[in-house]
C-alpha atoms as a PDB file:
ATOM      1  CA  UNK A   1      13.464  98.164  21.613  1.00  0.00           C
ATOM      2  CA  UNK A   2      16.431  96.153  22.343  1.00  0.00           C
ATOM      3  CA  UNK A   3      19.077  97.087  24.159  1.00  0.00           C
ATOM      4  CA  UNK A   4      22.387  95.794  22.648  1.00  0.00           C
ATOM      5  CA  UNK A   5      25.825  95.950  24.543  1.00  0.00           C
ATOM      6  CA  UNK A   6      29.020  95.074  22.473  1.00  0.00           C
ATOM      7  CA  UNK A   7      32.320  94.843  24.061  1.00  0.00           C
ATOM      8  CA  UNK A   8      35.404  95.931  21.793  1.00  0.00           C
ATOM      9  CA  UNK A   9      32.861  97.594  19.739  1.00  0.00           C
ATOM     10  CA  UNK A  10      36.162  99.868  18.795  1.00  0.00           C
ATOM     11  CA  UNK A  11      37.806  97.424  17.209  1.00  0.00           C
ATOM     12  CA  UNK A  12      37.927  95.867  13.972  1.00  0.00           C
ATOM     13  CA  UNK A  13      34.856  93.231  14.184  1.00  0.00           C
ATOM     14  CA  UNK A  14      33.332  95.709  16.881  1.00  0.00           C
ATOM     15  CA  UNK A  15      33.148  98.499  14.506  1.00  0.00           C
ATOM     16  CA  UNK A  16      31.460  96.408  11.781  1.00  0.00           C
ATOM     17  CA  UNK A  17      28.903  94.513  14.125  1.00  0.00           C
ATOM     18  CA  UNK A  18      27.981  97.968  15.553  1.00  0.00           C
ATOM     19  CA  UNK A  19      27.156  99.260  12.078  1.00  0.00           C
ATOM     20  CA  UNK A  20      24.794  95.519  11.684  1.00  0.00           C
ATOM     21  CA  UNK A  21      23.115  96.340  15.075  1.00  0.00           C
ATOM     22  CA  UNK A  22      21.804 100.264  14.808  1.00  0.00           C
ATOM     23  CA  UNK A  23      20.432  98.771  11.131  1.00  0.00           C
ATOM     24  CA  UNK A  24      18.219  96.611  13.133  1.00  0.00           C
ATOM     25  CA  UNK A  25      17.315 100.043  15.239  1.00  0.00           C
ATOM     26  CA  UNK A  26      18.051  99.166  18.377  1.00  0.00           C
ATOM     27  CA  UNK A  27      19.766 101.008  21.820  1.00  0.00           C
ATOM     28  CA  UNK A  28      23.247 100.494  21.478  1.00  0.00           C
ATOM     29  CA  UNK A  29      26.083 100.409  24.139  1.00  0.00           C
ATOM     30  CA  UNK A  30      29.783 100.515  23.921  1.00  0.00           C
ATOM     31  CA  UNK A  31      32.684  99.606  26.234  1.00  0.00           C
ATOM     32  CA  UNK A  32      35.458 102.116  25.804  1.00  0.00           C
ATOM     33  CA  UNK A  33      38.574 102.671  28.345  1.00  0.00           C
ATOM     34  CA  UNK A  34      38.361 106.199  29.315  1.00  0.00           C
ATOM     35  CA  UNK A  35      41.990 107.172  28.443  1.00  0.00           C
ATOM     36  CA  UNK A  36      43.185 104.136  26.069  1.00  0.00           C
ATOM     37  CA  UNK A  37      40.204 102.992  23.627  1.00  0.00           C
ATOM     38  CA  UNK A  38      41.248 103.783  20.214  1.00  0.00           C
ATOM     39  CA  UNK A  39      38.272 105.451  18.651  1.00  0.00           C
ATOM     40  CA  UNK A  40      39.029 105.697  15.081  1.00  0.00           C
ATOM     41  CA  UNK A  41      37.116 102.810  13.704  1.00  0.00           C
ATOM     42  CA  UNK A  42      34.129 103.919  15.081  1.00  0.00           C
ATOM     43  CA  UNK A  43      34.304 108.306  15.064  1.00  0.00           C
ATOM     44  CA  UNK A  44      31.340 107.579  12.083  1.00  0.00           C
ATOM     45  CA  UNK A  45      28.794 106.353  14.676  1.00  0.00           C
ATOM     46  CA  UNK A  46      30.426 107.702  17.815  1.00  0.00           C
ATOM     47  CA  UNK A  47      27.039 110.009  18.400  1.00  0.00           C
ATOM     48  CA  UNK A  48      24.576 107.119  17.786  1.00  0.00           C
ATOM     49  CA  UNK A  49      26.208 104.952  20.453  1.00  0.00           C
ATOM     50  CA  UNK A  50      25.820 105.078  24.497  1.00  0.00           C
ATOM     51  CA  UNK A  51      29.049 104.771  25.714  1.00  0.00           C
ATOM     52  CA  UNK A  52      30.322 103.412  29.294  1.00  0.00           C
ATOM     53  CA  UNK A  53      33.556 103.829  30.657  1.00  0.00           C
ATOM     54  CA  UNK A  54      34.781 100.528  31.748  1.00  0.00           C
ATOM     55  CA  UNK A  55      37.743  98.290  31.915  1.00  0.00           C
ATOM     56  CA  UNK A  56      37.376  94.993  31.576  1.00  0.00           C
ATOM     57  CA  UNK A  57      40.064  93.964  33.508  1.00  0.00           C
ATOM     58  CA  UNK A  58      38.335  95.645  37.149  1.00  0.00           C
ATOM     59  CA  UNK A  59      35.253  93.388  38.064  1.00  0.00           C
ATOM     60  CA  UNK A  60      34.339  96.352  39.617  1.00  0.00           C
ATOM     61  CA  UNK A  61      33.933  98.102  36.717  1.00  0.00           C
ATOM     62  CA  UNK A  62      32.627  95.156  34.899  1.00  0.00           C
ATOM     63  CA  UNK A  63      29.833  95.377  37.420  1.00  0.00           C
ATOM     64  CA  UNK A  64      28.723  98.642  37.847  1.00  0.00           C
ATOM     65  CA  UNK A  65      28.785  99.119  33.809  1.00  0.00           C
ATOM     66  CA  UNK A  66      25.908  95.895  33.430  1.00  0.00           C
ATOM     67  CA  UNK A  67      24.184  96.968  36.436  1.00  0.00           C
ATOM     68  CA  UNK A  68      23.647 101.073  34.424  1.00  0.00           C
ATOM     69  CA  UNK A  69      22.974  99.446  31.597  1.00  0.00           C
ATOM     70  CA  UNK A  70      20.710  96.225  31.958  1.00  0.00           C
ATOM     71  CA  UNK A  71      21.634  94.840  28.506  1.00  0.00           C
ATOM     72  CA  UNK A  72      19.348  92.226  26.889  1.00  0.00           C
ATOM     73  CA  UNK A  73      22.079  91.068  24.344  1.00  0.00           C
ATOM     74  CA  UNK A  74      25.199  91.239  24.861  1.00  0.00           C
ATOM     75  CA  UNK A  75      27.928  90.959  22.091  1.00  0.00           C
ATOM     76  CA  UNK A  76      31.409  90.235  23.722  1.00  0.00           C
ATOM     77  CA  UNK A  77      33.480  91.157  21.093  1.00  0.00           C
ATOM     78  CA  UNK A  78      37.024  92.622  23.512  1.00  0.00           C
ATOM     79  CA  UNK A  79      39.858  90.468  23.534  1.00  0.00           C
ATOM     80  CA  UNK A  80      43.492  89.695  22.764  1.00  0.00           C
ATOM     81  CA  UNK A  81      43.020  89.066  19.065  1.00  0.00           C
ATOM     82  CA  UNK A  82      46.764  88.923  17.581  1.00  0.00           C
ATOM     83  CA  UNK A  83      48.347  85.722  17.163  1.00  0.00           C
ATOM     84  CA  UNK A  84      51.946  87.109  17.200  1.00  0.00           C
ATOM     85  CA  UNK A  85      52.249  88.558  20.379  1.00  0.00           C
ATOM     86  CA  UNK A  86      50.966  85.551  22.620  1.00  0.00           C
ATOM     87  CA  UNK A  87      54.318  83.864  23.016  1.00  0.00           C
ATOM     88  CA  UNK A  88      55.772  86.954  24.613  1.00  0.00           C
ATOM     89  CA  UNK A  89      52.543  87.861  26.938  1.00  0.00           C
ATOM     90  CA  UNK A  90      50.721  84.582  27.730  1.00  0.00           C
ATOM     91  CA  UNK A  91      49.886  85.845  30.687  1.00  0.00           C
ATOM     92  CA  UNK A  92      48.296  88.975  29.182  1.00  0.00           C
ATOM     93  CA  UNK A  93      46.312  87.055  26.568  1.00  0.00           C
ATOM     94  CA  UNK A  94      44.720  84.872  28.883  1.00  0.00           C
ATOM     95  CA  UNK A  95      43.910  87.625  31.319  1.00  0.00           C
ATOM     96  CA  UNK A  96      41.869  89.616  28.301  1.00  0.00           C
ATOM     97  CA  UNK A  97      40.345  86.602  26.895  1.00  0.00           C
ATOM     98  CA  UNK A  98      39.389  84.323  29.932  1.00  0.00           C
ATOM     99  CA  UNK A  99      39.630  86.267  32.912  1.00  0.00           C
ATOM    100  CA  UNK A 100      37.405  89.163  31.430  1.00  0.00           C
ATOM    101  CA  UNK A 101      35.097  87.037  30.196  1.00  0.00           C
ATOM    102  CA  UNK A 102      34.444  85.520  33.946  1.00  0.00           C
ATOM    103  CA  UNK A 103      34.062  89.290  35.307  1.00  0.00           C
ATOM    104  CA  UNK A 104      31.344  89.777  32.746  1.00  0.00           C
ATOM    105  CA  UNK A 105      30.077  86.176  33.537  1.00  0.00           C
ATOM    106  CA  UNK A 106      29.833  86.888  37.310  1.00  0.00           C
ATOM    107  CA  UNK A 107      29.062  91.036  36.325  1.00  0.00           C
ATOM    108  CA  UNK A 108      26.042  89.629  34.906  1.00  0.00           C
ATOM    109  CA  UNK A 109      25.062  87.416  37.973  1.00  0.00           C
ATOM    110  CA  UNK A 110      25.283  89.399  40.817  1.00  0.00           C
ATOM    111  CA  UNK A 111      23.232  91.468  39.345  1.00  0.00           C
ATOM    112  CA  UNK A 112      20.589  89.387  38.317  1.00  0.00           C
ATOM    113  CA  UNK A 113      20.699  89.405  34.804  1.00  0.00           C
ATOM    114  CA  UNK A 114      20.508  86.860  32.315  1.00  0.00           C
ATOM    115  CA  UNK A 115      21.074  88.305  28.613  1.00  0.00           C
ATOM    116  CA  UNK A 116      21.705  86.549  25.827  1.00  0.00           C
ATOM    117  CA  UNK A 117      25.491  86.566  25.202  1.00  0.00           C
ATOM    118  CA  UNK A 118      27.550  85.858  22.564  1.00  0.00           C
ATOM    119  CA  UNK A 119      31.270  84.398  22.760  1.00  0.00           C
ATOM    120  CA  UNK A 120      33.083  84.284  19.330  1.00  0.00           C
ATOM    121  CA  UNK A 121      35.841  81.786  19.536  1.00  0.00           C
ATOM    122  CA  UNK A 122      38.396  81.850  16.644  1.00  0.00           C
ATOM    123  CA  UNK A 123      39.217  78.624  14.282  1.00  0.00           C
ATOM    124  CA  UNK A 124      42.918  79.137  15.892  1.00  0.00           C
ATOM    125  CA  UNK A 125      41.306  77.054  18.189  1.00  0.00           C
ATOM    126  CA  UNK A 126      41.874  73.970  16.362  1.00  0.00           C
ATOM    127  CA  UNK A 127      45.746  74.472  15.481  1.00  0.00           C
ATOM    128  CA  UNK A 128      47.369  71.407  14.020  1.00  0.00           C
ATOM    129  CA  UNK A 129      44.964  70.054  11.873  1.00  0.00           C
ATOM    130  CA  UNK A 130      45.862  67.426   9.429  1.00  0.00           C
ATOM    131  CA  UNK A 131      44.738  67.227   5.569  1.00  0.00           C
ATOM    132  CA  UNK A 132      42.705  63.781   6.558  1.00  0.00           C
ATOM    133  CA  UNK A 133      40.869  65.449   9.089  1.00  0.00           C
ATOM    134  CA  UNK A 134      39.560  67.774   7.275  1.00  0.00           C
ATOM    135  CA  UNK A 135      37.145  70.124   6.921  1.00  0.00           C
ATOM    136  CA  UNK A 136      37.088  70.710  10.898  1.00  0.00           C
ATOM    137  CA  UNK A 137      33.804  69.871  12.581  1.00  0.00           C
ATOM    138  CA  UNK A 138      31.995  70.173  16.013  1.00  0.00           C
ATOM    139  CA  UNK A 139      33.662  66.693  16.847  1.00  0.00           C
ATOM    140  CA  UNK A 140      37.364  67.386  15.616  1.00  0.00           C
ATOM    141  CA  UNK A 141      40.399  67.774  18.020  1.00  0.00           C
ATOM    142  CA  UNK A 142      41.639  70.700  19.286  1.00  0.00           C
ATOM    143  CA  UNK A 143      45.037  70.929  19.049  1.00  0.00           C
ATOM    144  CA  UNK A 144      46.491  74.269  20.008  1.00  0.00           C
ATOM    145  CA  UNK A 145      50.133  75.609  19.081  1.00  0.00           C
ATOM    146  CA  UNK A 146      49.977  79.158  20.328  1.00  0.00           C
ATOM    147  CA  UNK A 147      49.097  80.831  23.522  1.00  0.00           C
ATOM    148  CA  UNK A 148      45.891  83.262  22.187  1.00  0.00           C
ATOM    149  CA  UNK A 149      44.418  79.850  21.232  1.00  0.00           C
ATOM    150  CA  UNK A 150      44.614  78.061  24.207  1.00  0.00           C
ATOM    151  CA  UNK A 151      43.110  81.682  25.953  1.00  0.00           C
ATOM    152  CA  UNK A 152      40.565  81.262  23.782  1.00  0.00           C
ATOM    153  CA  UNK A 153      39.582  77.385  24.519  1.00  0.00           C
ATOM    154  CA  UNK A 154      39.715  78.640  28.295  1.00  0.00           C
ATOM    155  CA  UNK A 155      36.904  81.609  27.328  1.00  0.00           C
ATOM    156  CA  UNK A 156      34.918  78.871  25.468  1.00  0.00           C
ATOM    157  CA  UNK A 157      35.386  76.231  27.886  1.00  0.00           C
ATOM    158  CA  UNK A 158      34.570  78.994  30.855  1.00  0.00           C
ATOM    159  CA  UNK A 159      31.615  79.866  28.953  1.00  0.00           C
ATOM    160  CA  UNK A 160      29.796  76.497  29.016  1.00  0.00           C
ATOM    161  CA  UNK A 161      30.931  76.300  32.707  1.00  0.00           C
ATOM    162  CA  UNK A 162      28.528  79.448  32.978  1.00  0.00           C
ATOM    163  CA  UNK A 163      25.789  78.162  31.081  1.00  0.00           C
ATOM    164  CA  UNK A 164      25.650  74.549  32.792  1.00  0.00           C
ATOM    165  CA  UNK A 165      26.250  75.679  35.998  1.00  0.00           C
ATOM    166  CA  UNK A 166      24.166  79.377  36.564  1.00  0.00           C
ATOM    167  CA  UNK A 167      21.818  78.931  33.602  1.00  0.00           C
ATOM    168  CA  UNK A 168      23.568  82.280  31.633  1.00  0.00           C
ATOM    169  CA  UNK A 169      21.940  82.089  28.094  1.00  0.00           C
ATOM    170  CA  UNK A 170      25.493  81.936  26.523  1.00  0.00           C
ATOM    171  CA  UNK A 171      25.938  81.036  23.319  1.00  0.00           C
ATOM    172  CA  UNK A 172      29.448  80.352  21.596  1.00  0.00           C
ATOM    173  CA  UNK A 173      31.075  80.384  18.045  1.00  0.00           C
ATOM    174  CA  UNK A 174      34.092  79.684  16.289  1.00  0.00           C
ATOM    175  CA  UNK A 175      34.529  81.943  13.397  1.00  0.00           C
ATOM    176  CA  UNK A 176      37.396  81.218  10.794  1.00  0.00           C
ATOM    177  CA  UNK A 177      38.901  83.719   9.206  1.00  0.00           C
ATOM    178  CA  UNK A 178      37.398  86.998   8.033  1.00  0.00           C
ATOM    179  CA  UNK A 179      38.877  90.480   6.997  1.00  0.00           C
ATOM    180  CA  UNK A 180      38.233  93.209   5.284  1.00  0.00           C
ATOM    181  CA  UNK A 181      38.344  97.235   6.093  1.00  0.00           C
ATOM    182  CA  UNK A 182      39.557  98.427   9.631  1.00  0.00           C
ATOM    183  CA  UNK A 183      41.297  94.627   9.995  1.00  0.00           C
ATOM    184  CA  UNK A 184      44.907  96.289  11.955  1.00  0.00           C
ATOM    185  CA  UNK A 185      47.910  95.710   9.344  1.00  0.00           C
ATOM    186  CA  UNK A 186      49.782  93.316  12.120  1.00  0.00           C
ATOM    187  CA  UNK A 187      47.872  90.529  10.597  1.00  0.00           C
ATOM    188  CA  UNK A 188      48.323  89.105   7.109  1.00  0.00           C
ATOM    189  CA  UNK A 189      46.295  89.941   4.589  1.00  0.00           C
ATOM    190  CA  UNK A 190      45.888  93.929   5.402  1.00  0.00           C
ATOM    191  CA  UNK A 191      49.799  93.803   5.875  1.00  0.00           C
ATOM    192  CA  UNK A 192      50.249  92.940   2.361  1.00  0.00           C
ATOM    193  CA  UNK A 193      47.592  95.968   1.494  1.00  0.00           C
ATOM    194  CA  UNK A 194      49.100  98.494   4.068  1.00  0.00           C
ATOM    195  CA  UNK A 195      52.556  97.359   1.880  1.00  0.00           C
ATOM    196  CA  UNK A 196      51.020  97.745  -1.121  1.00  0.00           C
ATOM    197  CA  UNK A 197      49.232 101.003  -0.702  1.00  0.00           C
ATOM    198  CA  UNK A 198      52.745 102.292   0.272  1.00  0.00           C
ATOM    199  CA  UNK A 199      54.514 100.737  -2.284  1.00  0.00           C
ATOM    200  CA  UNK A 200      51.745 102.798  -4.931  1.00  0.00           C
ATOM    201  CA  UNK A 201      52.480 106.071  -2.740  1.00  0.00           C
ATOM    202  CA  UNK A 202      55.919 105.390  -3.677  1.00  0.00           C
ATOM    203  CA  UNK A 203      56.830 105.128   0.328  1.00  0.00           C
ATOM    204  CA  UNK A 204      58.446 101.826   0.124  1.00  0.00           C
ATOM    205  CA  UNK A 205      60.565  99.763  -2.293  1.00  0.00           C
ATOM    206  CA  UNK A 206      58.693  97.485  -4.581  1.00  0.00           C
ATOM    207  CA  UNK A 207      59.149  94.077  -1.945  1.00  0.00           C
ATOM    208  CA  UNK A 208      56.482  92.852   0.218  1.00  0.00           C
ATOM    209  CA  UNK A 209      57.518  91.383   3.654  1.00  0.00           C
ATOM    210  CA  UNK A 210      55.850  88.289   4.919  1.00  0.00           C
ATOM    211  CA  UNK A 211      55.540  85.773   7.211  1.00  0.00           C
ATOM    212  CA  UNK A 212      54.621  82.083   6.815  1.00  0.00           C
ATOM    213  CA  UNK A 213      52.568  82.033   3.206  1.00  0.00           C
ATOM    214  CA  UNK A 214      51.537  78.268   2.783  1.00  0.00           C
ATOM    215  CA  UNK A 215      49.122  78.231   5.341  1.00  0.00           C
ATOM    216  CA  UNK A 216      45.582  77.137   3.948  1.00  0.00           C
ATOM    217  CA  UNK A 217      42.743  79.337   5.000  1.00  0.00           C
ATOM    218  CA  UNK A 218      39.176  79.081   4.375  1.00  0.00           C
ATOM    219  CA  UNK A 219      37.831  83.370   4.390  1.00  0.00           C
ATOM    220  CA  UNK A 220      35.241  85.468   4.580  1.00  0.00           C
ATOM    221  CA  UNK A 221      34.100  89.033   4.566  1.00  0.00           C
ATOM    222  CA  UNK A 222      33.445  90.646   8.203  1.00  0.00           C
ATOM    223  CA  UNK A 223      30.144  91.502   6.810  1.00  0.00           C
ATOM    224  CA  UNK A 224      29.113  88.168   6.262  1.00  0.00           C
ATOM    225  CA  UNK A 225      30.672  87.742  10.090  1.00  0.00           C
ATOM    226  CA  UNK A 226      28.582  90.064  11.710  1.00  0.00           C
ATOM    227  CA  UNK A 227      25.401  89.286   9.840  1.00  0.00           C
ATOM    228  CA  UNK A 228      26.160  85.291  11.059  1.00  0.00           C
ATOM    229  CA  UNK A 229      26.941  86.535  14.629  1.00  0.00           C
ATOM    230  CA  UNK A 230      23.885  88.513  15.156  1.00  0.00           C
ATOM    231  CA  UNK A 231      22.107  84.864  13.960  1.00  0.00           C
ATOM    232  CA  UNK A 232      23.862  83.355  15.644  1.00  0.00           C
ATOM    233  CA  UNK A 233      22.076  85.200  18.856  1.00  0.00           C
ATOM    234  CA  UNK A 234      18.409  85.712  17.142  1.00  0.00           C
ATOM    235  CA  UNK A 235      18.152  81.482  16.178  1.00  0.00           C
ATOM    236  CA  UNK A 236      21.054  79.917  18.382  1.00  0.00           C
ATOM    237  CA  UNK A 237      20.307  77.448  21.490  1.00  0.00           C
ATOM    238  CA  UNK A 238      21.974  78.565  24.341  1.00  0.00           C
ATOM    239  CA  UNK A 239      24.204  76.285  25.482  1.00  0.00           C
ATOM    240  CA  UNK A 240      25.170  75.753  21.885  1.00  0.00           C
ATOM    241  CA  UNK A 241      28.332  75.806  19.832  1.00  0.00           C
ATOM    242  CA  UNK A 242      28.716  76.763  16.277  1.00  0.00           C
ATOM    243  CA  UNK A 243      31.336  77.028  13.504  1.00  0.00           C
ATOM    244  CA  UNK A 244      30.974  79.526  11.128  1.00  0.00           C
ATOM    245  CA  UNK A 245      32.770  79.907   7.968  1.00  0.00           C
ATOM    246  CA  UNK A 246      32.065  78.595   4.621  1.00  0.00           C
ATOM    247  CA  UNK A 247      34.216  75.680   2.619  1.00  0.00           C
ATOM    248  CA  UNK A 248      33.435  76.860  -0.865  1.00  0.00           C
ATOM    249  CA  UNK A 249      36.530  76.526  -3.066  1.00  0.00           C
ATOM    250  CA  UNK A 250      36.119  80.408  -4.191  1.00  0.00           C
ATOM    251  CA  UNK A 251      36.973  81.184  -0.365  1.00  0.00           C
ATOM    252  CA  UNK A 252      39.622  78.855   0.142  1.00  0.00           C
ATOM    253  CA  UNK A 253      43.182  80.082  -0.157  1.00  0.00           C
ATOM    254  CA  UNK A 254      46.409  79.993   1.236  1.00  0.00           C
ATOM    255  CA  UNK A 255      48.446  83.721   2.399  1.00  0.00           C
ATOM    256  CA  UNK A 256      50.303  83.101  -0.863  1.00  0.00           C
ATOM    257  CA  UNK A 257      47.730  82.837  -3.475  1.00  0.00           C
ATOM    258  CA  UNK A 258      45.916  86.111  -1.184  1.00  0.00           C
ATOM    259  CA  UNK A 259      48.812  87.873  -1.782  1.00  0.00           C
ATOM    260  CA  UNK A 260      49.408  87.224  -5.290  1.00  0.00           C
ATOM    261  CA  UNK A 261      46.171  88.088  -6.605  1.00  0.00           C
ATOM    262  CA  UNK A 262      46.669  91.094  -4.694  1.00  0.00           C
ATOM    263  CA  UNK A 263      49.632  92.254  -6.233  1.00  0.00           C
ATOM    264  CA  UNK A 264      47.579  91.725  -9.828  1.00  0.00           C
ATOM    265  CA  UNK A 265      45.292  94.375  -8.053  1.00  0.00           C
ATOM    266  CA  UNK A 266      48.057  96.890  -7.469  1.00  0.00           C
ATOM    267  CA  UNK A 267      48.729  99.552 -10.020  1.00  0.00           C
ATOM    268  CA  UNK A 268      52.880  98.799  -9.798  1.00  0.00           C
ATOM    269  CA  UNK A 269      54.059  96.375 -11.779  1.00  0.00           C
ATOM    270  CA  UNK A 270      56.783  93.541 -10.608  1.00  0.00           C
ATOM    271  CA  UNK A 271      56.021  94.178  -7.081  1.00  0.00           C
ATOM    272  CA  UNK A 272      58.127  91.349  -5.467  1.00  0.00           C
ATOM    273  CA  UNK A 273      57.358  89.503  -1.860  1.00  0.00           C
ATOM    274  CA  UNK A 274      60.121  87.885   0.291  1.00  0.00           C
ATOM    275  CA  UNK A 275      59.895  86.014   3.844  1.00  0.00           C
ATOM    276  CA  UNK A 276      61.217  87.856   6.752  1.00  0.00           C
ATOM    277  CA  UNK A 277      62.367  85.951   9.489  1.00  0.00           C
ATOM    278  CA  UNK A 278      60.927  87.793  11.697  1.00  0.00           C
ATOM    279  CA  UNK A 279      57.435  87.438  10.995  1.00  0.00           C
ATOM    280  CA  UNK A 280      57.516  84.071  10.879  1.00  0.00           C
ATOM    281  CA  UNK A 281      55.868  82.664  14.552  1.00  0.00           C
ATOM    282  CA  UNK A 282      57.382  79.930  16.563  1.00  0.00           C
ATOM    283  CA  UNK A 283      54.602  77.304  15.406  1.00  0.00           C
ATOM    284  CA  UNK A 284      52.511  77.141  12.468  1.00  0.00           C
ATOM    285  CA  UNK A 285      48.445  76.661  11.662  1.00  0.00           C
ATOM    286  CA  UNK A 286      48.618  74.629   8.472  1.00  0.00           C
ATOM    287  CA  UNK A 287      44.784  74.419   7.347  1.00  0.00           C
ATOM    288  CA  UNK A 288      41.663  76.072   8.951  1.00  0.00           C
ATOM    289  CA  UNK A 289      38.859  74.643   7.137  1.00  0.00           C
ATOM    290  CA  UNK A 290      35.646  73.984   8.578  1.00  0.00           C
ATOM    291  CA  UNK A 291      31.839  72.435   8.149  1.00  0.00           C
ATOM    292  CA  UNK A 292      29.779  74.828   9.188  1.00  0.00           C
ATOM    293  CA  UNK A 293      26.728  73.204   7.595  1.00  0.00           C
ATOM    294  CA  UNK A 294      25.459  72.749  11.447  1.00  0.00           C
ATOM    295  CA  UNK A 295      25.072  76.669  11.544  1.00  0.00           C
ATOM    296  CA  UNK A 296      24.023  76.952   7.547  1.00  0.00           C
ATOM    297  CA  UNK A 297      21.075  74.725   8.043  1.00  0.00           C
ATOM    298  CA  UNK A 298      19.940  76.446  11.601  1.00  0.00           C
ATOM    299  CA  UNK A 299      20.151  79.676  10.262  1.00  0.00           C
ATOM    300  CA  UNK A 300      19.786  79.523   6.782  1.00  0.00           C
ATOM    301  CA  UNK A 301      23.326  81.770   6.715  1.00  0.00           C
ATOM    302  CA  UNK A 302      25.651  81.909   3.818  1.00  0.00           C
ATOM    303  CA  UNK A 303      28.218  84.331   2.413  1.00  0.00           C
ATOM    304  CA  UNK A 304      27.119  86.811   0.151  1.00  0.00           C
ATOM    305  CA  UNK A 305      30.216  89.274  -0.521  1.00  0.00           C
ATOM    306  CA  UNK A 306      32.714  87.313  -3.086  1.00  0.00           C
ATOM    307  CA  UNK A 307      36.285  86.601  -2.152  1.00  0.00           C
ATOM    308  CA  UNK A 308      37.503  89.419  -4.865  1.00  0.00           C
ATOM    309  CA  UNK A 309      35.695  91.788  -2.629  1.00  0.00           C
ATOM    310  CA  UNK A 310      37.107  90.785   0.459  1.00  0.00           C
ATOM    311  CA  UNK A 311      41.222  91.170  -0.427  1.00  0.00           C
ATOM    312  CA  UNK A 312      39.544  94.707  -2.865  1.00  0.00           C
ATOM    313  CA  UNK A 313      37.878  96.135   0.264  1.00  0.00           C
ATOM    314  CA  UNK A 314      40.841  95.699   2.181  1.00  0.00           C
ATOM    315  CA  UNK A 315      43.393  97.352  -0.152  1.00  0.00           C
ATOM    316  CA  UNK A 316      41.266 100.138  -0.815  1.00  0.00           C
ATOM    317  CA  UNK A 317      40.661 101.006   2.936  1.00  0.00           C
ATOM    318  CA  UNK A 318      44.543 100.760   3.734  1.00  0.00           C
ATOM    319  CA  UNK A 319      45.456 102.785   0.091  1.00  0.00           C
ATOM    320  CA  UNK A 320      43.266 105.613   1.855  1.00  0.00           C
ATOM    321  CA  UNK A 321      44.916 105.323   5.467  1.00  0.00           C
ATOM    322  CA  UNK A 322      47.837 105.329   3.376  1.00  0.00           C
ATOM    323  CA  UNK A 323      46.924 108.213   1.401  1.00  0.00           C
ATOM    324  CA  UNK A 324      45.634 110.376   3.689  1.00  0.00           C
ATOM    325  CA  UNK A 325      48.081 110.190   6.379  1.00  0.00           C
ATOM    326  CA  UNK A 326      46.332 108.480   8.648  1.00  0.00           C
ATOM    327  CA  UNK A 327      48.679 105.444   9.466  1.00  0.00           C
ATOM    328  CA  UNK A 328      52.560 105.455   9.384  1.00  0.00           C
END
C-alpha cells in the first residue's frame, strides 16, 4: 500500500485531496502543528489519517517527520495562499512558500528518500498578462504583481533546481482558479457566498461589500482539481511543469459575473453590491485563462463539474456555516 503524505492537509485543497486519496486506498499521512492547526476541514476524516506533528518552518521538525513516515508520494499543499496580506507580510510569504519547500526537499535528501513530490503553483504567478497573450501557455512571460506570486515562482524554480541538481522526483503544476466548499471567506467567491448567507439569515443588510470585480478568470471545481493533482503524480514526467485549468467558455467569467449569478441564486431579492476600497488590492491581475492542452493530452483530464455547481456548492457550504453558527 502506497504511503501518501499531504502537507497542508487541513486546508481547503488539502482536505479535498485527502478525501480523494482515501478513495484510492492509500495509507494517508498528514502534518499538523501541535497547537496551531485548524482541524475544521478535516474532522470527518481525522480517524482515517495518520498524523505527524510537524511545523514546516522548522527544518529539524520536517527532517524527523519525513524520517518517520518514509512517504512514497508527497503532495506539498502547505502554503501561504491568500494574496492580499502578502504586501504586508512579504517575508512570511517567502518563508511559507519557498523556505518550507526547501526544508521538505532537504529532509528527503538527508533521509536518502526520493518520493514523487507534487509542487502546486498558481496561475497568479503570471500576473500582468495582456489580452493578446491569452490563453496563457508554458511559454508565457511571468510578470508577477504581488509578493505572493513571487514566492510561488521561487517555490517553483527551487523545485526545478532540486530536480536538476539532485534528481528529486519533483512534478510541478500551475493551477488556475479553483473554488468550492471549505475555501476561506477571505477569497472572492466564498466572500460573496458568506455575505449572501448572512443576508438570508438577516444578519447583514442586503448590501455585499466587494473588492475589484472585473478581473477575468477560468474557474474549476476543487474536486476536479484534486483529481488533476493525482493524475499529475500518476502520469506526469518528473521535472516537468504542467498548467491545469479550463478555457471552456462556460467556465470563464469575471468576478462581477460570478457575483451576479450568486445573487440570482439567493432567496432574498434586490441584493445590491458595492466596491469597498479596503478590499481593493494595490495591483490587479486582469486576466488568467490557461491553455492546459499539454496536461489534458497527457492525462485525459477534463473538468466534470459545471460552473453552476462551483457557485452552488460554495454558497450552500457558507449557508450551512452561517446557519449553524460555525463562523462569525
